[in-house]
Amino acid sequence: MKELLRSTDPTIIAFASALLQGEDIDCFQMDVNMSVLEGGIGIFPRRLMVRERDHARAERVMRDNEIPLGR
């Protein structure tokens, strides 16, 4: 797995996940449960991971939809 996107905004992660699913690209959200440790204030970014072989195509989908990768 390779990191595609990093954001503290859960709506961006959800939108990016939906776009990737629409393109048949599997993705996995990491750091989702960090909100328990941070108290829900959103200081720790969540990461969206994709397979290494899908990474270039997934980056293209993010660029085409003007989603910042947060790196």
C-alpha atoms as a PDB file:
ATOM      1  CA  MET A   1       0.000   0.000   0.000  1.00  0.00           C
ATOM      2  CA  LYS A   2       1.143   3.518  -0.742  1.00  0.00           C
ATOM      3  CA  GLU A   3      -0.110   6.806   0.679  1.00  0.00           C
ATOM      4  CA  LEU A   4      -2.217   8.757  -1.766  1.00  0.00           C
ATOM      5  CA  LEU A   5      -3.713  11.509   0.321  1.00  0.00           C
ATOM      6  CA  ARG A   6      -3.411  13.029   3.793  1.00  0.00           C
ATOM      7  CA  SER A   7      -6.005  15.381   5.277  1.00  0.00           C
ATOM      8  CA  THR A   8      -7.592  16.484   8.536  1.00  0.00           C
ATOM      9  CA  ASP A   9     -10.880  17.059   6.677  1.00  0.00           C
ATOM     10  CA  PRO A  10     -12.993  13.872   6.771  1.00  0.00           C
ATOM     11  CA  THR A  11     -15.182  15.133   3.917  1.00  0.00           C
ATOM     12  CA  ILE A  12     -12.212  15.196   1.539  1.00  0.00           C
ATOM     13  CA  ILE A  13     -11.311  11.635   2.524  1.00  0.00           C
ATOM     14  CA  ALA A  14     -14.908  10.484   1.979  1.00  0.00           C
ATOM     15  CA  PHE A  15     -15.157  12.237  -1.405  1.00  0.00           C
ATOM     16  CA  ALA A  16     -11.799  10.856  -2.556  1.00  0.00           C
ATOM     17  CA  SER A  17     -12.814   7.342  -1.462  1.00  0.00           C
ATOM     18  CA  ALA A  18     -16.052   7.592  -3.435  1.00  0.00           C
ATOM     19  CA  LEU A  19     -14.204   8.787  -6.539  1.00  0.00           C
ATOM     20  CA  LEU A  20     -11.706   5.942  -6.280  1.00  0.00           C
ATOM     21  CA  GLN A  21     -14.449   3.356  -5.821  1.00  0.00           C
ATOM     22  CA  GLY A  22     -16.130   4.758  -8.939  1.00  0.00           C
ATOM     23  CA  GLU A  23     -12.898   4.079 -10.834  1.00  0.00           C
ATOM     24  CA  ASP A  24     -12.589   0.538  -9.359  1.00  0.00           C
ATOM     25  CA  ILE A  25      -9.520   1.488  -7.333  1.00  0.00           C
ATOM     26  CA  ASP A  26      -9.425  -0.113  -3.884  1.00  0.00           C
ATOM     27  CA  CYS A  27      -8.477   2.212  -1.044  1.00  0.00           C
ATOM     28  CA  PHE A  28      -8.054   1.971   2.707  1.00  0.00           C
ATOM     29  CA  GLN A  29      -8.384   4.754   5.283  1.00  0.00           C
ATOM     30  CA  MET A  30      -5.745   4.833   8.004  1.00  0.00           C
ATOM     31  CA  ASP A  31      -5.687   6.769  11.292  1.00  0.00           C
ATOM     32  CA  VAL A  32      -9.504   6.907  11.453  1.00  0.00           C
ATOM     33  CA  ASN A  33      -9.560   5.990  15.138  1.00  0.00           C
ATOM     34  CA  MET A  34      -7.068   8.683  16.129  1.00  0.00           C
ATOM     35  CA  SER A  35     -10.044  10.922  16.984  1.00  0.00           C
ATOM     36  CA  VAL A  36     -10.409   8.896  20.189  1.00  0.00           C
ATOM     37  CA  LEU A  37      -6.930  10.028  21.249  1.00  0.00           C
ATOM     38  CA  GLU A  38      -7.236  13.615  20.069  1.00  0.00           C
ATOM     39  CA  GLY A  39     -10.687  14.230  21.542  1.00  0.00           C
ATOM     40  CA  GLY A  40     -12.332  14.892  18.171  1.00  0.00           C
ATOM     41  CA  ILE A  41     -10.580  18.203  17.477  1.00  0.00           C
ATOM     42  CA  GLY A  42      -9.123  17.090  14.138  1.00  0.00           C
ATOM     43  CA  ILE A  43      -5.405  17.722  14.601  1.00  0.00           C
ATOM     44  CA  PHE A  44      -4.155  14.349  13.358  1.00  0.00           C
ATOM     45  CA  PRO A  45      -4.490  13.854   9.603  1.00  0.00           C
ATOM     46  CA  ARG A  46      -6.099  10.754   8.168  1.00  0.00           C
ATOM     47  CA  ARG A  47      -4.373   8.937   5.339  1.00  0.00           C
ATOM     48  CA  LEU A  48      -5.868   7.289   2.293  1.00  0.00           C
ATOM     49  CA  MET A  49      -3.865   4.352   0.994  1.00  0.00           C
ATOM     50  CA  VAL A  50      -4.028   2.588  -2.389  1.00  0.00           C
ATOM     51  CA  ARG A  51      -2.207  -0.346  -3.913  1.00  0.00           C
ATOM     52  CA  GLU A  52       1.150   0.604  -5.333  1.00  0.00           C
ATOM     53  CA  ARG A  53       0.117  -0.515  -8.822  1.00  0.00           C
ATOM     54  CA  ASP A  54      -2.949   1.803  -8.677  1.00  0.00           C
ATOM     55  CA  HIS A  55      -1.141   4.823  -7.236  1.00  0.00           C
ATOM     56  CA  ALA A  56      -0.433   6.710 -10.490  1.00  0.00           C
ATOM     57  CA  ARG A  57      -3.999   6.247 -11.720  1.00  0.00           C
ATOM     58  CA  ALA A  58      -5.387   7.301  -8.318  1.00  0.00           C
ATOM     59  CA  GLU A  59      -3.232  10.453  -8.310  1.00  0.00           C
ATOM     60  CA  ARG A  60      -4.597  11.303 -11.746  1.00  0.00           C
ATOM     61  CA  VAL A  61      -8.172  10.958 -10.434  1.00  0.00           C
ATOM     62  CA  MET A  62      -7.336  13.296  -7.527  1.00  0.00           C
ATOM     63  CA  ARG A  63      -5.740  15.885  -9.855  1.00  0.00           C
ATOM     64  CA  ASP A  64      -8.668  15.735 -12.286  1.00  0.00           C
ATOM     65  CA  ASN A  65     -11.059  16.499  -9.412  1.00  0.00           C
ATOM     66  CA  GLU A  66      -8.782  19.155  -7.855  1.00  0.00           C
ATOM     67  CA  ILE A  67      -8.370  17.288  -4.567  1.00  0.00           C
ATOM     68  CA  PRO A  68      -5.195  18.379  -2.707  1.00  0.00           C
ATOM     69  CA  LEU A  69      -2.971  15.475  -1.732  1.00  0.00           C
ATOM     70  CA  GLY A  70      -1.820  17.168   1.468  1.00  0.00           C
ATOM     71  CA  ARG A  71       1.833  16.182   1.291  1.00  0.00           C
END
